Amino acid sequence: MAKTIEPVAATEHAATTTTSVGPYDDYAGKTMGIVALVLAFFTQIPALILGIIAWVWSKNAGVSNVPAKVAVAVSSGLIVLGLLVAIGWIILVASAIDGFGPLQGFQDWDMGGPGRLRS
């Protein structure tokens, strides 16, 4: 009396079942995308790095991560604006210093010292 064991085949239901992400499900990079979005307004470079990482993780999971995309856009834009402001300040300070000329107030000191300024 030998029993015969028949192999079990996968059902069609198991082969066609797909996993979908609902609005309240966690997916890879969701929390990091939100953290990157908050940090984008305070520290742009770490927010840019976290946003890119969260975007890639979500892309690999097959999910669209809107907070990560917005964090990358906001932090990139603020980095560009910060660079433009820094360059503007450098140009402003350089032109203000150039407007003083070759230190005009100190020319008289070379001509005879501070006593000469009293007359």
C-alpha atoms as a PDB file:
ATOM      1  CA  MET A   1       0.000   0.000   0.000  1.00  0.00           C
ATOM      2  CA  ALA A   2       2.023   2.837  -1.236  1.00  0.00           C
ATOM      3  CA  LYS A   3       0.532   6.287  -1.311  1.00  0.00           C
ATOM      4  CA  THR A   4       1.084   8.394  -4.357  1.00  0.00           C
ATOM      5  CA  ILE A   5       1.839  12.037  -3.777  1.00  0.00           C
ATOM      6  CA  GLU A   6       0.634  14.408  -6.408  1.00  0.00           C
ATOM      7  CA  PRO A   7       2.371  17.773  -6.865  1.00  0.00           C
ATOM      8  CA  VAL A   8       0.308  20.831  -6.082  1.00  0.00           C
ATOM      9  CA  ALA A   9       0.167  23.435  -8.831  1.00  0.00           C
ATOM     10  CA  ALA A  10      -0.155  27.135  -8.166  1.00  0.00           C
ATOM     11  CA  THR A  11      -3.626  28.439  -8.700  1.00  0.00           C
ATOM     12  CA  GLU A  12      -4.411  31.210 -11.120  1.00  0.00           C
ATOM     13  CA  HIS A  13      -5.455  33.436  -8.267  1.00  0.00           C
ATOM     14  CA  ALA A  14      -1.990  33.324  -6.728  1.00  0.00           C
ATOM     15  CA  ALA A  15      -0.353  34.091 -10.062  1.00  0.00           C
ATOM     16  CA  THR A  16      -2.512  37.154 -10.785  1.00  0.00           C
ATOM     17  CA  THR A  17      -2.614  38.654  -7.324  1.00  0.00           C
ATOM     18  CA  THR A  18      -0.970  42.058  -7.235  1.00  0.00           C
ATOM     19  CA  THR A  19      -0.156  44.105  -4.231  1.00  0.00           C
ATOM     20  CA  SER A  20      -1.347  47.665  -4.269  1.00  0.00           C
ATOM     21  CA  VAL A  21      -0.436  50.466  -1.950  1.00  0.00           C
ATOM     22  CA  GLY A  22      -3.382  52.133  -0.313  1.00  0.00           C
ATOM     23  CA  PRO A  23      -3.412  55.663   1.049  1.00  0.00           C
ATOM     24  CA  TYR A  24      -2.538  54.495   4.560  1.00  0.00           C
ATOM     25  CA  ASP A  25       0.028  51.834   3.689  1.00  0.00           C
ATOM     26  CA  ASP A  26       3.707  52.360   4.329  1.00  0.00           C
ATOM     27  CA  TYR A  27       6.104  52.004   1.467  1.00  0.00           C
ATOM     28  CA  ALA A  28       9.845  52.363   1.116  1.00  0.00           C
ATOM     29  CA  GLY A  29      10.900  55.992   1.421  1.00  0.00           C
ATOM     30  CA  LYS A  30       7.563  57.446   2.553  1.00  0.00           C
ATOM     31  CA  THR A  31       8.739  58.698   5.936  1.00  0.00           C
ATOM     32  CA  MET A  32      12.108  59.771   4.594  1.00  0.00           C
ATOM     33  CA  GLY A  33      10.368  61.804   1.874  1.00  0.00           C
ATOM     34  CA  ILE A  34       8.297  63.643   4.478  1.00  0.00           C
ATOM     35  CA  VAL A  35      11.381  64.296   6.624  1.00  0.00           C
ATOM     36  CA  ALA A  36      13.244  65.562   3.551  1.00  0.00           C
ATOM     37  CA  LEU A  37      10.366  67.904   2.730  1.00  0.00           C
ATOM     38  CA  VAL A  38      10.410  69.413   6.230  1.00  0.00           C
ATOM     39  CA  LEU A  39      14.208  69.735   6.198  1.00  0.00           C
ATOM     40  CA  ALA A  40      14.136  71.399   2.765  1.00  0.00           C
ATOM     41  CA  PHE A  41      13.120  74.678   4.390  1.00  0.00           C
ATOM     42  CA  PHE A  42      15.900  74.618   6.992  1.00  0.00           C
ATOM     43  CA  THR A  43      18.916  72.675   5.690  1.00  0.00           C
ATOM     44  CA  GLN A  44      18.872  72.259   1.946  1.00  0.00           C
ATOM     45  CA  ILE A  45      21.834  69.955   1.243  1.00  0.00           C
ATOM     46  CA  PRO A  46      20.830  67.159   3.693  1.00  0.00           C
ATOM     47  CA  ALA A  47      17.225  67.510   2.510  1.00  0.00           C
ATOM     48  CA  LEU A  48      18.335  67.134  -1.100  1.00  0.00           C
ATOM     49  CA  ILE A  49      20.291  63.980  -0.273  1.00  0.00           C
ATOM     50  CA  LEU A  50      17.436  62.452   1.763  1.00  0.00           C
ATOM     51  CA  GLY A  51      14.901  63.381  -0.904  1.00  0.00           C
ATOM     52  CA  ILE A  52      16.908  61.693  -3.647  1.00  0.00           C
ATOM     53  CA  ILE A  53      17.368  58.561  -1.517  1.00  0.00           C
ATOM     54  CA  ALA A  54      13.643  58.421  -0.688  1.00  0.00           C
ATOM     55  CA  TRP A  55      12.747  58.967  -4.353  1.00  0.00           C
ATOM     56  CA  VAL A  56      15.004  56.100  -5.465  1.00  0.00           C
ATOM     57  CA  TRP A  57      13.703  53.751  -2.759  1.00  0.00           C
ATOM     58  CA  SER A  58      10.108  54.482  -3.722  1.00  0.00           C
ATOM     59  CA  LYS A  59      10.880  54.098  -7.400  1.00  0.00           C
ATOM     60  CA  ASN A  60      12.418  50.677  -6.717  1.00  0.00           C
ATOM     61  CA  ALA A  61       9.273  49.739  -4.776  1.00  0.00           C
ATOM     62  CA  GLY A  62       7.123  50.854  -7.715  1.00  0.00           C
ATOM     63  CA  VAL A  63       5.424  53.696  -5.866  1.00  0.00           C
ATOM     64  CA  SER A  64       5.287  57.406  -6.607  1.00  0.00           C
ATOM     65  CA  ASN A  65       6.646  59.433  -3.688  1.00  0.00           C
ATOM     66  CA  VAL A  66       5.361  62.984  -4.076  1.00  0.00           C
ATOM     67  CA  PRO A  67       6.869  64.399  -0.841  1.00  0.00           C
ATOM     68  CA  ALA A  68      10.322  63.220  -1.917  1.00  0.00           C
ATOM     69  CA  LYS A  69       9.937  64.809  -5.346  1.00  0.00           C
ATOM     70  CA  VAL A  70       8.754  68.083  -3.816  1.00  0.00           C
ATOM     71  CA  ALA A  71      11.624  68.002  -1.299  1.00  0.00           C
ATOM     72  CA  VAL A  72      14.160  67.595  -4.114  1.00  0.00           C
ATOM     73  CA  ALA A  73      12.590  70.466  -6.058  1.00  0.00           C
ATOM     74  CA  VAL A  74      12.314  72.816  -3.065  1.00  0.00           C
ATOM     75  CA  SER A  75      15.799  72.139  -1.718  1.00  0.00           C
ATOM     76  CA  SER A  76      17.356  72.476  -5.194  1.00  0.00           C
ATOM     77  CA  GLY A  77      15.545  75.743  -5.773  1.00  0.00           C
ATOM     78  CA  LEU A  78      16.563  77.135  -2.410  1.00  0.00           C
ATOM     79  CA  ILE A  79      20.197  76.105  -2.985  1.00  0.00           C
ATOM     80  CA  VAL A  80      20.190  77.998  -6.304  1.00  0.00           C
ATOM     81  CA  LEU A  81      18.563  81.040  -4.694  1.00  0.00           C
ATOM     82  CA  GLY A  82      21.091  80.948  -1.851  1.00  0.00           C
ATOM     83  CA  LEU A  83      23.982  80.849  -4.300  1.00  0.00           C
ATOM     84  CA  LEU A  84      22.536  83.791  -6.238  1.00  0.00           C
ATOM     85  CA  VAL A  85      22.115  85.801  -3.032  1.00  0.00           C
ATOM     86  CA  ALA A  86      25.688  84.996  -1.950  1.00  0.00           C
ATOM     87  CA  ILE A  87      27.069  86.044  -5.331  1.00  0.00           C
ATOM     88  CA  GLY A  88      24.993  89.233  -5.168  1.00  0.00           C
ATOM     89  CA  TRP A  89      26.344  90.085  -1.732  1.00  0.00           C
ATOM     90  CA  ILE A  90      29.918  89.480  -2.875  1.00  0.00           C
ATOM     91  CA  ILE A  91      29.397  91.789  -5.855  1.00  0.00           C
ATOM     92  CA  LEU A  92      27.757  94.426  -3.646  1.00  0.00           C
ATOM     93  CA  VAL A  93      30.551  94.357  -1.063  1.00  0.00           C
ATOM     94  CA  ALA A  94      33.241  94.405  -3.767  1.00  0.00           C
ATOM     95  CA  SER A  95      31.665  97.415  -5.470  1.00  0.00           C
ATOM     96  CA  ALA A  96      31.245  99.221  -2.138  1.00  0.00           C
ATOM     97  CA  ILE A  97      34.892  98.656  -1.253  1.00  0.00           C
ATOM     98  CA  ASP A  98      35.932  99.772  -4.739  1.00  0.00           C
ATOM     99  CA  GLY A  99      33.925 102.977  -4.258  1.00  0.00           C
ATOM    100  CA  PHE A 100      36.140 103.980  -1.343  1.00  0.00           C
ATOM    101  CA  GLY A 101      39.129 104.151  -3.656  1.00  0.00           C
ATOM    102  CA  PRO A 102      42.679 103.592  -2.412  1.00  0.00           C
ATOM    103  CA  LEU A 103      41.818 104.372   1.224  1.00  0.00           C
ATOM    104  CA  GLN A 104      41.484 108.138   0.740  1.00  0.00           C
ATOM    105  CA  GLY A 105      41.286 108.959   4.411  1.00  0.00           C
ATOM    106  CA  PHE A 106      44.734 107.525   5.096  1.00  0.00           C
ATOM    107  CA  GLN A 107      46.570 109.462   2.391  1.00  0.00           C
ATOM    108  CA  ASP A 108      47.152 112.418   4.700  1.00  0.00           C
ATOM    109  CA  TRP A 109      48.825 110.206   7.275  1.00  0.00           C
ATOM    110  CA  ASP A 110      51.623 109.520   4.811  1.00  0.00           C
ATOM    111  CA  MET A 111      52.133 113.253   4.164  1.00  0.00           C
ATOM    112  CA  GLY A 112      53.073 114.286   7.657  1.00  0.00           C
ATOM    113  CA  GLY A 113      51.059 112.487  10.226  1.00  0.00           C
ATOM    114  CA  PRO A 114      47.920 113.395  12.108  1.00  0.00           C
ATOM    115  CA  GLY A 115      49.163 116.885  13.005  1.00  0.00           C
ATOM    116  CA  ARG A 116      48.791 117.973   9.433  1.00  0.00           C
ATOM    117  CA  LEU A 117      45.064 117.141   9.520  1.00  0.00           C
ATOM    118  CA  ARG A 118      44.421 119.830  12.206  1.00  0.00           C
ATOM    119  CA  SER A 119      45.340 122.748  10.020  1.00  0.00           C
END
